[in-house]
Protein backbone atom coordinates (compact mmCIF):
# COMPACT_ATOMS: atom_id res chain seq x y z
CA MET A 1 4.89 15.91 -16.67
CA ALA A 2 5.35 19.19 -15.08
CA ASP A 3 2.98 21.99 -15.85
CA THR A 4 4.94 24.55 -17.93
CA PRO A 5 3.81 27.44 -20.17
CA ARG A 6 3.02 26.12 -23.66
CA PRO A 7 2.28 27.94 -26.94
CA THR A 8 -1.45 27.93 -27.84
CA ASN A 9 -3.14 28.58 -31.08
CA ALA A 10 -6.84 29.06 -31.98
CA ARG A 11 -6.67 25.79 -33.90
CA TRP A 12 -5.85 23.85 -30.72
CA SER A 13 -7.25 26.03 -27.86
CA SER A 14 -10.54 25.72 -26.00
CA GLU A 15 -11.58 26.13 -22.47
CA ILE A 16 -12.45 22.93 -20.40
CA SER A 17 -14.22 23.32 -17.11
CA GLU A 18 -12.63 21.87 -14.09
CA THR A 19 -15.83 20.29 -12.85
CA GLU A 20 -15.94 18.12 -15.98
CA CYS A 21 -13.22 15.88 -14.72
CA GLY A 22 -12.72 16.56 -10.91
CA ARG A 23 -9.57 16.51 -9.06
CA HIS A 24 -7.09 13.55 -8.31
CA GLY A 25 -9.64 10.75 -8.38
CA ARG A 26 -12.88 12.46 -7.01
CA ASP A 27 -15.96 12.92 -9.06
CA LEU A 28 -14.47 11.07 -12.18
CA ARG A 29 -16.51 10.18 -15.12
CA PRO A 30 -17.68 6.50 -14.89
CA GLU A 31 -15.23 5.27 -17.60
CA ILE A 32 -12.35 7.00 -15.91
CA ALA A 33 -13.37 5.98 -12.50
CA ALA A 34 -13.53 2.39 -13.75
CA SER A 35 -10.05 2.65 -15.15
CA TRP A 36 -8.64 4.09 -11.93
CA HIS A 37 -10.17 1.17 -10.13
CA ARG A 38 -8.42 -1.37 -12.49
CA SER A 39 -5.11 0.51 -12.08
CA SER A 40 -5.47 0.48 -8.36
CA LEU A 41 -6.19 -3.34 -8.34
CA ALA A 42 -3.03 -3.71 -10.53
CA GLY A 43 -1.03 -2.37 -7.65
CA LEU A 44 0.09 0.82 -9.23
CA SER A 45 1.01 3.80 -7.14
CA GLN A 46 -0.02 7.27 -8.50
CA ASP A 47 3.51 8.52 -7.75
CA GLN A 48 5.42 5.80 -9.51
CA ALA A 49 7.40 6.24 -12.72
CA LEU A 50 6.64 4.23 -15.93
CA ASP A 51 8.11 0.70 -16.15
CA ALA A 52 11.49 1.21 -17.86
CA ALA A 53 11.47 -2.30 -19.44
CA ILE A 54 11.84 -2.10 -23.16
CA CYS A 55 10.27 -4.59 -25.70
CA ASP A 56 11.33 -5.30 -29.30
CA VAL A 57 9.45 -3.13 -31.88
CA ASP A 58 8.87 -4.60 -35.19
CA ALA A 59 9.42 -1.68 -37.66
CA THR A 60 8.10 -3.71 -40.60
CA SER A 61 4.79 -4.80 -39.08
CA ARG A 62 1.51 -4.28 -40.96
CA LEU A 63 0.49 -1.70 -38.49
CA MET A 64 3.73 0.36 -38.77
CA GLN A 65 3.43 0.25 -42.53
CA ALA A 66 -0.09 1.43 -42.56
CA ALA A 67 0.40 4.16 -39.96
CA ALA A 68 3.72 5.64 -41.28
CA PRO A 69 2.09 8.04 -43.82
CA VAL A 70 -0.61 8.97 -41.34
CA LEU A 71 2.03 9.80 -38.64
CA ARG A 72 4.02 11.82 -41.09
CA ASP A 73 0.96 13.87 -41.99
CA LEU A 74 0.18 14.44 -38.32
CA GLY A 75 3.73 15.50 -37.74
CA ARG A 76 3.30 18.28 -40.46
CA GLN A 77 0.08 19.50 -38.82
CA PHE A 78 1.66 19.57 -35.36
CA GLU A 79 4.72 21.44 -36.39
CA GLY A 80 5.37 24.49 -34.18
CA PHE A 81 2.77 23.39 -31.55
CA GLU A 82 3.03 21.72 -28.18
CA VAL A 83 1.07 18.71 -29.71
CA GLY A 84 1.93 15.15 -30.26
CA ALA A 85 0.77 11.73 -31.26
CA LEU A 86 1.73 8.30 -29.90
CA LEU A 87 1.06 4.84 -31.57
CA ALA A 88 0.85 1.60 -29.66
CA ASP A 89 0.58 -1.92 -31.22
CA ARG A 90 -1.84 -4.77 -30.59
CA SER A 91 0.02 -5.49 -27.30
CA ALA A 92 -0.22 -2.00 -26.08
CA VAL A 93 3.53 -1.44 -26.64
CA LEU A 94 4.48 1.97 -27.87
CA VAL A 95 5.94 1.79 -31.30
CA ALA A 96 6.14 5.30 -32.74
CA GLY A 97 5.54 9.05 -32.00
CA ARG A 98 5.40 12.40 -33.61
CA PHE A 99 5.72 15.74 -31.89
CA GLY A 100 5.24 19.29 -32.99
CA THR A 101 8.28 20.67 -31.08
CA LYS A 102 11.56 19.25 -29.90
CA SER A 103 10.86 20.41 -26.38
CA LEU A 104 7.72 18.27 -26.22
CA ALA A 105 9.70 15.23 -27.66
CA ARG A 106 12.30 15.63 -24.90
CA GLU A 107 9.63 15.96 -22.30
CA VAL A 108 7.84 12.76 -23.42
CA ASP A 109 11.19 10.95 -23.56
CA ARG A 110 11.94 12.05 -19.96
CA LEU A 111 8.44 10.68 -18.90
CA GLY A 112 9.56 7.37 -20.26
CA ALA A 113 6.95 7.09 -23.07
CA VAL A 114 9.50 5.83 -25.59
CA ALA A 115 9.23 3.12 -28.27
CA GLY A 116 9.12 -0.28 -26.69
CA VAL A 117 7.50 0.63 -23.42
CA GLN A 118 4.45 -1.44 -22.38
CA PHE A 119 1.54 1.04 -21.97
CA SER A 120 -1.32 -1.27 -20.78
CA GLU A 121 -3.26 -0.16 -17.68
CA VAL A 122 -1.32 -2.75 -15.51
CA HIS A 123 1.81 -0.71 -16.42
CA SER A 124 0.75 2.78 -16.90
CA GLY A 125 -2.60 3.27 -15.37
CA THR A 126 -5.35 5.51 -16.89
CA ASN A 127 -4.22 7.25 -20.11
CA ALA A 128 -5.35 7.63 -23.63
CA ILE A 129 -3.35 4.56 -24.85
CA ALA A 130 -4.02 2.10 -22.08
CA THR A 131 -7.71 2.74 -21.50
CA PRO A 132 -8.79 2.68 -25.08
CA TYR A 133 -6.78 -0.62 -25.52
CA GLU A 134 -8.64 -1.91 -22.39
CA THR A 135 -12.11 -0.88 -23.29
CA ARG A 136 -11.98 -0.90 -27.08
CA ALA A 137 -13.49 2.46 -27.12
CA SER A 138 -12.22 6.08 -27.69
CA VAL A 139 -11.48 7.94 -24.46
CA PHE A 140 -10.70 11.60 -23.70
CA VAL A 141 -8.33 11.82 -20.59
CA HIS A 142 -8.00 15.23 -18.99
CA GLN A 143 -4.71 16.10 -17.41
CA ASP A 144 -5.92 15.45 -13.86
CA GLU A 145 -7.70 12.05 -14.89
CA HIS A 146 -4.41 10.40 -15.62
CA TYR A 147 -3.73 7.97 -12.94
CA LEU A 148 0.09 8.47 -12.77
CA ALA A 149 0.87 11.88 -11.54
CA SER A 150 3.75 12.25 -14.01
CA MET A 151 1.18 12.28 -16.84
CA ARG A 152 -1.00 15.10 -15.61
CA GLY A 153 0.60 17.85 -17.56
CA TYR A 154 -1.45 16.96 -20.76
CA SER A 155 -4.86 16.22 -21.86
CA CYS A 156 -5.13 13.26 -24.32
CA TYR A 157 -7.58 11.66 -26.74
CA GLY A 158 -7.08 8.06 -27.85
CA SER A 159 -8.86 5.63 -29.99
CA PRO A 160 -8.38 1.97 -30.72
CA ILE A 161 -7.53 0.95 -34.31
CA ILE A 162 -9.96 -2.04 -35.07
CA SER A 163 -8.86 -4.34 -37.81
CA PRO A 164 -11.32 -3.99 -40.82
CA THR A 165 -11.00 -7.77 -41.35
CA THR A 166 -10.59 -9.58 -37.97
CA ASN A 167 -12.49 -6.97 -35.83
CA ARG A 168 -9.55 -7.21 -33.35
CA VAL A 169 -7.46 -4.42 -31.91
CA GLU A 170 -4.54 -3.76 -34.17
CA GLY A 171 -3.22 -0.80 -32.12
CA VAL A 172 -4.15 2.46 -30.44
CA ILE A 173 -3.35 6.08 -31.45
CA ASP A 174 -3.69 9.11 -29.26
CA VAL A 175 -3.09 12.81 -29.56
CA MET A 176 -1.70 14.81 -26.61
CA ALA A 177 -1.79 18.43 -26.17
CA SER A 178 -1.91 21.44 -23.58
CA ALA A 179 -4.67 21.31 -20.86
CA GLU A 180 -6.65 23.88 -22.77
CA SER A 181 -7.08 21.91 -26.01
CA SER A 182 -10.47 20.97 -27.30
CA PRO A 183 -11.69 17.41 -26.89
CA ALA A 184 -13.88 17.87 -30.03
CA LEU A 185 -10.99 18.99 -32.10
CA MET A 186 -8.73 16.23 -30.81
CA LYS A 187 -11.50 13.69 -31.53
CA SER A 188 -11.81 14.84 -35.14
CA VAL A 189 -7.98 14.56 -35.62
CA ILE A 190 -7.68 11.03 -34.17
CA ASP A 191 -10.88 9.76 -35.92
CA ARG A 192 -9.47 10.85 -39.20
CA ALA A 193 -6.12 9.25 -38.40
CA VAL A 194 -7.78 5.95 -37.35
CA GLN A 195 -9.86 5.75 -40.49
CA ASP A 196 -6.74 6.55 -42.66
CA ILE A 197 -4.73 3.75 -40.94
CA ARG A 198 -7.70 1.33 -41.43
CA ASN A 199 -7.79 2.23 -45.06
CA GLN A 200 -4.11 1.63 -45.31
CA LEU A 201 -4.40 -1.77 -43.44
CA LEU A 202 -7.08 -2.81 -46.05
CA GLU A 203 -4.68 -2.10 -48.77
CA THR A 204 -2.04 -4.53 -47.31
CA TYR A 205 -4.38 -7.62 -47.60
CA ASP A 206 -4.75 -9.34 -51.06
CA VAL A 207 -8.09 -10.23 -52.51
CA ASN A 208 -7.96 -13.88 -51.35
CA VAL A 209 -7.26 -13.02 -47.74
CA MET A 210 -10.10 -10.48 -47.61
CA ALA A 211 -12.39 -13.10 -49.02
CA VAL A 212 -11.27 -15.61 -46.34
CA PHE A 213 -12.03 -13.12 -43.56
CA ALA A 214 -15.43 -12.16 -45.02
CA ALA A 215 -16.43 -15.89 -45.38
CA PHE A 216 -15.34 -16.74 -41.93
CA ASN A 217 -17.19 -13.75 -40.33
CA SER A 218 -20.39 -14.77 -42.20
CA LEU A 219 -20.10 -18.34 -41.11
CA ARG A 220 -19.21 -17.49 -37.48
CA ARG A 221 -22.24 -15.48 -37.04
CA GLN A 222 -24.51 -18.21 -38.39
CA SER A 223 -23.17 -21.26 -36.38
CA THR A 224 -23.21 -22.25 -32.73
CA ASP A 225 -20.52 -24.82 -33.41
CA ALA A 226 -16.77 -24.41 -32.96
CA VAL A 227 -15.71 -22.96 -36.37
CA VAL A 228 -12.13 -23.05 -37.67
CA MET A 229 -11.10 -21.91 -41.12
CA ILE A 230 -7.61 -22.82 -42.47
CA SER A 231 -6.12 -21.22 -45.51
CA ASP A 232 -2.35 -21.33 -46.33
CA ASP A 233 -0.67 -19.49 -43.42
CA ILE A 234 -3.94 -18.25 -41.82
CA ILE A 235 -6.00 -20.01 -39.16
CA LEU A 236 -9.20 -18.21 -37.91
CA ASN A 237 -11.28 -19.57 -35.05
CA ASN A 238 -14.29 -18.41 -33.04
CA ARG A 239 -14.70 -18.30 -29.21
CA ARG A 240 -16.42 -21.72 -29.05
CA SER A 241 -13.40 -23.33 -30.68
CA VAL A 242 -11.20 -22.06 -27.82
CA ASP A 243 -13.41 -23.80 -25.36
CA ILE A 244 -13.23 -27.29 -26.85
CA LEU A 245 -10.11 -27.54 -29.03
CA ALA A 246 -6.53 -27.99 -27.74
CA PRO A 247 -3.46 -26.62 -29.76
CA GLU A 248 -2.85 -30.29 -31.05
CA ASP A 249 -6.40 -30.40 -32.47
CA TYR A 250 -5.50 -27.44 -34.75
CA VAL A 251 -2.52 -29.47 -36.13
CA THR A 252 -4.86 -32.45 -36.79
CA LEU A 253 -7.42 -30.15 -38.65
CA ARG A 254 -4.59 -28.67 -40.77
CA GLY A 255 -3.34 -32.07 -41.56
CA ILE A 256 -6.87 -33.08 -42.70
CA ALA A 257 -6.97 -30.06 -44.99
CA LEU A 258 -3.64 -30.86 -46.51
CA GLU A 259 -4.30 -34.55 -46.97
CA ARG A 260 -7.83 -34.14 -48.43
CA PRO A 261 -7.75 -31.03 -50.66
CA GLY A 262 -11.12 -30.30 -52.13
CA TYR A 263 -12.96 -32.66 -49.67
CA SER A 264 -16.24 -31.84 -48.28
CA GLY A 265 -18.20 -34.10 -45.78
CA THR A 266 -18.55 -35.11 -42.22
CA ILE A 267 -16.10 -37.22 -40.18
CA GLU A 268 -15.79 -38.42 -36.58
CA LEU A 269 -12.74 -37.23 -34.75
CA GLU A 270 -11.29 -37.91 -31.27
CA LEU A 271 -10.16 -34.71 -29.65
CA MET A 272 -7.11 -34.31 -27.56
CA SER A 273 -9.56 -33.90 -24.54
CA GLY A 274 -10.58 -37.51 -25.04
CA SER A 275 -14.13 -36.70 -26.22
CA ALA A 276 -15.52 -37.68 -29.65
CA ALA A 277 -16.55 -34.92 -32.10
CA ARG A 278 -18.40 -34.77 -35.36
CA VAL A 279 -16.52 -32.52 -37.83
CA LYS A 280 -18.23 -31.05 -40.85
CA ILE A 281 -15.68 -30.16 -43.49
CA THR A 282 -16.35 -27.66 -46.25
CA ASP A 283 -13.87 -26.83 -49.01
CA MET A 284 -14.59 -23.21 -49.77
CA GLY A 285 -13.07 -23.44 -53.21
CA ASP A 286 -13.06 -19.56 -53.70
CA PRO A 287 -11.70 -18.32 -51.43
CA PRO A 288 -9.11 -21.19 -51.16
CA ALA A 289 -9.82 -22.37 -47.64
CA THR A 290 -11.20 -25.22 -45.63
CA VAL A 291 -13.79 -24.69 -42.85
CA PHE A 292 -14.22 -27.11 -39.99
CA GLN A 293 -17.42 -27.06 -37.77
CA VAL A 294 -16.78 -29.10 -34.75
CA ARG A 295 -19.43 -30.25 -32.24
CA HIS A 296 -19.30 -32.97 -29.57
CA SER A 297 -20.90 -36.30 -30.81
CA THR A 298 -23.06 -36.44 -27.71
CA ASP A 299 -25.25 -33.58 -26.49
CA THR A 300 -24.30 -34.52 -22.82
CA THR A 301 -20.66 -33.34 -23.04
CA THR A 302 -20.05 -30.31 -21.02
CA VAL A 303 -17.76 -27.77 -22.69
CA ILE A 304 -14.92 -26.68 -20.53
CA PRO A 305 -15.26 -22.96 -20.07
CA ARG A 306 -12.19 -20.66 -20.67
CA GLY A 307 -10.44 -19.86 -17.49
CA ILE A 308 -10.87 -23.38 -16.05
CA SER A 309 -7.95 -25.82 -16.30
CA ARG A 310 -8.62 -28.64 -18.88
CA ARG A 311 -7.68 -32.22 -17.63
CA LYS A 312 -4.37 -33.32 -19.02
CA PRO A 313 -4.84 -34.59 -22.60
CA THR A 314 -4.66 -38.28 -23.09
CA SER A 315 -4.27 -40.19 -26.17
CA ARG A 316 -5.68 -43.61 -27.16
CA LEU A 317 -2.34 -45.18 -26.30
CA ASP A 318 -2.34 -43.73 -22.93
CA ARG A 319 -5.76 -45.26 -22.26
CA ASP A 320 -4.71 -48.55 -23.71
CA ILE A 321 -1.76 -48.70 -21.43
CA ALA A 322 -3.84 -47.76 -18.42
CA ALA A 323 -6.37 -50.43 -19.33
CA ALA A 324 -3.61 -53.06 -19.61
CA ALA A 325 -2.11 -52.05 -16.26
CA ARG A 326 -5.48 -52.59 -14.63
CA THR A 327 -5.51 -56.27 -15.68
CA ASP A 328 -4.18 -58.99 -13.40
CA GLY A 329 -2.18 -60.99 -16.03
CA HIS A 330 0.91 -60.47 -18.15
CA ILE A 331 1.19 -57.85 -20.88
CA CYS A 332 2.74 -57.77 -24.40
CA ILE A 333 3.74 -54.39 -25.93
CA GLN A 334 4.37 -54.36 -29.65
CA GLY A 335 5.92 -51.54 -31.78
CA GLU A 336 8.46 -50.45 -34.16
CA PRO A 337 11.99 -49.72 -32.78
CA GLY A 338 12.20 -46.32 -31.05
CA SER A 339 8.38 -46.10 -30.74
CA GLY A 340 8.47 -45.99 -27.10
CA ARG A 341 8.13 -49.71 -26.00
CA SER A 342 10.29 -49.27 -22.80
CA TRP A 343 8.54 -46.11 -21.79
CA ALA A 344 5.18 -47.95 -22.17
CA ALA A 345 6.37 -50.84 -20.12
CA ALA A 346 7.51 -48.61 -17.38
CA GLN A 347 4.11 -47.14 -17.07
CA VAL A 348 2.67 -50.51 -15.99
CA ALA A 349 4.87 -50.89 -12.94
CA PRO A 350 3.59 -49.38 -9.74
CA GLY A 351 5.62 -46.12 -9.14
CA ASN A 352 7.18 -46.89 -12.57
CA SER A 353 9.73 -49.19 -10.91
CA ALA A 354 10.34 -52.53 -12.66
CA ASN A 355 13.10 -55.09 -13.18
CA PHE A 356 14.35 -54.75 -16.82
CA LEU A 357 16.02 -57.59 -18.82
CA ASP A 358 17.01 -57.05 -22.35
CA ALA A 359 17.27 -59.90 -24.89
CA THR A 360 20.18 -58.14 -26.50
CA GLU A 361 22.20 -58.83 -23.30
CA VAL A 362 22.16 -62.58 -24.01
CA VAL A 363 25.08 -62.31 -26.49
CA ARG A 364 27.20 -60.53 -23.74
CA THR A 365 26.31 -62.57 -20.66
CA GLY A 366 25.52 -65.94 -22.22
CA GLU A 367 22.20 -67.91 -21.98
CA ARG A 368 22.77 -69.38 -18.46
CA ALA A 369 23.57 -66.06 -16.82
CA TRP A 370 20.72 -64.30 -18.51
CA LEU A 371 18.26 -67.14 -17.38
CA ASP A 372 19.55 -66.94 -13.78
CA GLN A 373 18.72 -63.19 -13.76
CA LEU A 374 15.17 -63.99 -14.99
CA ASP A 375 14.68 -66.73 -12.38
CA ARG A 376 15.93 -64.28 -9.53
CA ALA A 377 13.54 -61.58 -10.72
CA CYS A 378 10.57 -64.15 -10.79
CA ALA A 379 11.47 -65.22 -7.29
CA THR A 380 10.55 -61.74 -5.92
CA THR A 381 7.05 -61.44 -4.61
CA ASP A 382 4.68 -58.93 -6.41
CA THR A 383 7.19 -57.54 -8.83
CA VAL A 384 7.03 -56.37 -12.44
CA ILE A 385 9.52 -57.87 -14.85
CA VAL A 386 10.04 -56.26 -18.18
CA VAL A 387 11.59 -58.44 -20.88
CA GLU A 388 12.61 -56.47 -23.94
CA SER A 389 12.94 -57.47 -27.51
CA ILE A 390 11.73 -60.99 -26.96
CA GLU A 391 11.91 -61.59 -30.77
CA LEU A 392 15.77 -61.71 -30.31
CA LEU A 393 15.71 -64.53 -27.69
CA PRO A 394 17.08 -68.06 -28.58
CA LYS A 395 14.38 -70.79 -28.69
CA THR A 396 15.55 -72.32 -25.45
CA LEU A 397 14.95 -69.11 -23.55
CA ILE A 398 11.64 -68.60 -25.33
CA ALA A 399 10.47 -71.95 -23.98
CA HIS A 400 11.75 -71.01 -20.50
CA LEU A 401 9.94 -67.65 -20.68
CA ALA A 402 6.77 -69.48 -21.79
CA ARG A 403 6.81 -71.61 -18.64
CA ALA A 404 7.24 -68.25 -16.68
CA LEU A 405 4.14 -66.93 -18.34
CA ARG A 406 2.05 -69.99 -17.49
CA SER A 407 3.23 -70.05 -13.88
CA ASP A 408 0.71 -68.98 -11.13
CA ARG A 409 3.48 -67.31 -9.05
CA PRO A 410 2.80 -63.70 -7.97
CA TYR A 411 4.73 -61.70 -10.43
CA ARG A 412 3.80 -59.84 -13.61
CA LEU A 413 5.74 -60.09 -16.90
CA VAL A 414 5.69 -57.35 -19.54
CA LEU A 415 7.03 -58.40 -22.83
CA THR A 416 8.07 -56.02 -25.56
CA CYS A 417 8.71 -56.91 -29.14
CA ALA A 418 9.00 -55.21 -32.62
CA GLY A 419 5.67 -55.04 -34.48
CA GLU A 420 6.94 -56.98 -37.48
CA ALA A 421 8.12 -59.85 -35.17
CA GLU A 422 4.39 -60.70 -34.41
CA SER A 423 4.30 -63.09 -37.41
CA ALA A 424 6.92 -65.26 -35.86
CA SER A 425 5.26 -68.29 -34.36
CA GLU A 426 7.31 -68.28 -31.11
CA VAL A 427 6.65 -64.67 -30.50
CA SER A 428 2.92 -64.96 -31.44
CA TYR A 429 2.71 -67.91 -28.88
CA LEU A 430 4.30 -65.73 -26.07
CA ALA A 431 1.92 -62.98 -26.95
CA SER A 432 -1.03 -65.37 -26.70
CA LEU A 433 -0.19 -66.11 -23.12
CA CYS A 434 -0.54 -62.52 -22.10
CA ALA A 435 -3.82 -61.21 -20.66
CA ALA A 436 -3.41 -57.81 -22.47
CA GLN A 437 -1.65 -56.68 -25.58
CA VAL A 438 -0.74 -52.96 -26.43
CA GLN A 439 0.10 -51.98 -29.99
CA ILE A 440 2.24 -48.70 -30.12
CA PRO A 441 1.73 -47.06 -33.44
CA PRO A 442 4.72 -45.40 -35.21
CA LEU A 443 5.19 -41.79 -34.68
CA ARG A 444 4.19 -41.05 -38.30
CA ASP A 445 0.74 -42.27 -37.34
CA ARG A 446 0.56 -40.18 -34.13
CA VAL A 447 0.43 -36.67 -35.73
CA PRO A 448 -2.61 -35.62 -33.73
CA GLU A 449 -0.62 -36.27 -30.41
CA LEU A 450 2.61 -34.76 -31.60
CA GLY A 451 2.12 -31.45 -29.71
CA VAL A 452 1.56 -33.38 -26.45
CA LEU A 453 4.57 -35.62 -27.16
CA VAL A 454 6.74 -32.74 -27.89
CA SER A 455 5.64 -30.96 -24.67
CA ARG A 456 6.30 -34.15 -22.57
CA ILE A 457 9.72 -34.65 -24.07
CA VAL A 458 10.77 -31.03 -23.62
CA GLY A 459 9.41 -30.73 -20.05
CA ASP A 460 9.86 -34.12 -18.58
CA GLU A 461 12.79 -35.74 -20.29
CA LEU A 462 14.91 -32.83 -21.40
CA ARG A 463 14.16 -30.85 -18.27
CA ALA A 464 13.50 -27.56 -20.32
CA PRO A 465 10.14 -26.13 -18.70
CA GLY A 466 10.98 -22.78 -20.03
CA VAL A 467 10.87 -23.79 -23.67
CA ARG A 468 7.69 -23.66 -25.57
CA VAL A 469 7.50 -25.29 -29.09
CA THR A 470 5.19 -23.21 -31.12
CA LEU A 471 2.27 -24.49 -33.23
CA SER A 472 4.17 -23.61 -36.51
CA ALA A 473 7.31 -25.69 -35.30
CA VAL A 474 4.94 -28.56 -34.47
CA GLU A 475 3.30 -28.42 -37.89
CA ALA A 476 6.68 -28.60 -39.52
CA LEU A 477 7.74 -31.60 -37.39
CA ALA A 478 4.53 -33.27 -38.21
CA GLY A 479 5.39 -33.24 -41.93
CA HIS A 480 8.45 -35.62 -41.24
CA SER A 481 8.19 -39.38 -41.76
CA TRP A 482 10.10 -40.20 -38.50
CA PRO A 483 11.63 -43.44 -39.34
CA GLY A 484 13.41 -43.37 -35.99
CA ASN A 485 10.15 -42.72 -34.18
CA LEU A 486 10.20 -41.32 -30.69
CA SER A 487 13.99 -41.94 -30.42
CA GLU A 488 14.61 -39.69 -33.51
CA LEU A 489 12.18 -37.07 -32.10
CA VAL A 490 14.01 -36.91 -28.78
CA ARG A 491 17.34 -36.49 -30.65
CA VAL A 492 15.96 -33.55 -32.63
CA LEU A 493 14.44 -31.86 -29.60
CA ARG A 494 17.52 -32.39 -27.58
CA GLU A 495 19.48 -30.44 -30.33
CA VAL A 496 16.84 -27.70 -30.38
CA VAL A 497 16.87 -27.31 -26.58
CA GLY A 498 20.69 -27.27 -26.58
CA ASN A 499 20.60 -24.08 -28.84
CA ARG A 500 17.58 -22.47 -27.14
CA SER A 501 17.18 -23.04 -23.31
CA THR A 502 14.19 -20.76 -22.94
CA GLY A 503 11.55 -18.91 -24.97
CA ASP A 504 9.51 -19.93 -28.02
CA VAL A 505 10.87 -22.48 -30.55
CA THR A 506 9.88 -21.56 -34.07
CA VAL A 507 10.42 -23.14 -37.37
CA ARG A 508 13.76 -21.34 -37.78
CA ASP A 509 15.09 -23.04 -34.63
CA LEU A 510 14.62 -26.55 -36.06
CA PRO A 511 17.40 -28.44 -37.86
CA GLU A 512 17.31 -27.54 -41.47
CA GLN A 513 15.76 -30.71 -42.76
CA PHE A 514 12.68 -30.11 -40.58
CA ARG A 515 12.00 -26.48 -41.71
CA THR A 516 9.94 -27.40 -44.77
CA PRO A 517 6.38 -26.56 -44.14
CA GLY A 518 4.21 -29.63 -43.59
CA ARG A 519 2.09 -28.93 -46.60
CA MET A 520 5.11 -29.52 -48.82
CA LYS A 521 5.25 -33.14 -47.68
CA THR A 522 2.04 -33.84 -49.46
CA LEU A 523 3.06 -32.39 -52.83
CA PRO A 524 2.64 -34.70 -55.81
CA PRO A 525 6.03 -35.84 -57.34
CA LEU A 526 6.19 -33.24 -60.22
CA LYS A 527 5.49 -30.32 -57.83
CA ARG A 528 8.02 -31.59 -55.29
CA ALA A 529 10.57 -31.96 -58.06
CA GLU A 530 9.91 -28.37 -59.16
CA ARG A 531 10.25 -27.14 -55.69
CA ASP A 532 13.57 -29.01 -55.05
CA ALA A 533 14.96 -27.63 -58.33
CA ILE A 534 14.01 -24.03 -57.21
CA GLU A 535 15.53 -24.60 -53.82
CA ALA A 536 18.78 -25.90 -55.32
CA ALA A 537 18.96 -23.07 -57.64
CA MET A 538 18.48 -20.44 -54.90
CA LYS A 539 21.31 -22.19 -52.88
CA LEU A 540 23.64 -22.27 -55.81
CA SER A 541 22.96 -18.64 -56.61
CA ARG A 542 23.25 -17.69 -52.87
CA GLY A 543 19.83 -16.19 -52.74
CA ASN A 544 20.22 -14.13 -55.88
CA LYS A 545 16.79 -14.46 -57.53
CA VAL A 546 17.95 -12.95 -60.89
CA HIS A 547 20.60 -15.59 -61.23
CA ALA A 548 18.37 -18.38 -59.97
CA ALA A 549 15.64 -17.50 -62.48
CA ALA A 550 18.10 -17.48 -65.34
CA GLN A 551 19.56 -20.85 -64.25
CA LEU A 552 16.07 -22.37 -64.11
CA GLY A 553 14.97 -20.70 -67.49
CA ILE A 554 11.89 -18.92 -66.02
CA SER A 555 10.99 -15.28 -65.49
CA ARG A 556 11.58 -13.53 -62.25
CA SER A 557 7.89 -13.08 -61.71
CA THR A 558 7.31 -16.82 -62.10
CA LEU A 559 10.19 -17.52 -59.68
CA TYR A 560 8.64 -15.13 -57.09
CA ALA A 561 5.23 -16.74 -57.57
CA ARG A 562 6.76 -20.24 -57.07
CA ILE A 563 8.76 -19.15 -53.95
CA ARG A 564 5.46 -17.77 -52.36
CA GLU A 565 3.63 -21.09 -53.29
CA TYR A 566 6.21 -23.38 -51.95
CA GLY A 567 7.02 -21.35 -48.78
CA LEU A 568 10.69 -20.88 -49.76
CA SER A 569 12.66 -17.90 -48.38
């Protein structure tokens, strides 16, 4: 900002010596010098303008609601003076501002400091929003201590707003004034504003949520294990859990909490990293939450530090397939229709290349032609031949296939069949001639792997690397029974990707039948019936809660409570 004469007042005026801050990067205070160094490393030029990119601002966020009355009060205090305040959120994005004069508001607007602008040090250098955000400490920035020359018309004091429950940065607020303003006075104004916002934030949490945070913080300080606390729509975790748990592990833990309400005890769990872990489960009762303390079952396991790439997660099925592929003999792969038998068979072939024969083609080609195809494939040296759906083969072809399995010629047969067909004597006999057997579990039994499966399908099969399916969406998918197994999951994800080709997929992006939170899938029959009745009444009344309550014969307050309980909107 350009230096222009500004009105002063005894309430805001005080002399600051030039030697306190130095000039243009020389003799800077340590905290300012460190910030200048970070800004320089980020590639910023002192003469450049603020980034003009605008982010979305959530006007209904908890921070905005808590800060609104405080900002209004500051606006009244600043009226008539060249003084203003800026508020940034937990991502250092400017979300609001209040100014004592219209001329100051216009000058800040010309600078580019408007709602939606990213104000981290990477984007805006040293200032009283970005530096407190980076350091989690209050900072006074004299006019010449700003890294960007365009900001050197004002002195500012900023302070982070630390959440009273999570101890994380909820936002940053700063006051800006003329170069002659007193740091002590600016500090007193901001300190009071921060305290008022923190008090307002406390009032937005209900008693149960506050109790959950308090219990988690107490346990976190006492334990060296990975600690995760799950309560309704809240998941809290410590730094250790980030080191050893993959996103899919959180889905598994939430599933355990839903399937075993009130349970306390210790279980063994295989993590997505492939390592075994001992998990101590504690039902808190009051507050209503479940605590998981996770530690590796062996003391020799090395925790992967943050910042170092974790090896690609593998499931037990992946390892079973890999072990079967290492054998020299034939392989039988069993599983329900749509469970991924063809995919598993393809993994066995070197380079994923194999000759595929499908028993369903016998009806179209005839037994003689199908048998000729099998014989030609077996005549090829060192080849992998996949015969799918062997339970559908006529007995004459099963006998011929059995002879091929007993042959010592240099080929490998990979058979696939439905799991329930295992009891058929002919199929059981063919399976017994195989050196390895792989059982593919139905998708409903692979909930811990669902996040990895979804990522593979979206990235590899649907070719949508720019799409990320969020944890909440994976949890919603995990609540489905998946009678069509992987085939059904692929169809659902293809529909989702068709509607959203990039960005985050949330629960709202899923087909309607998958939007029910996973915890609803575990409701007892009476609770589920009540939920379904409320949902039907809400649809019939087109969202009018007064009409819905009258139709159900319950009070509005009861309806509101049930809507919250069942996660209805």
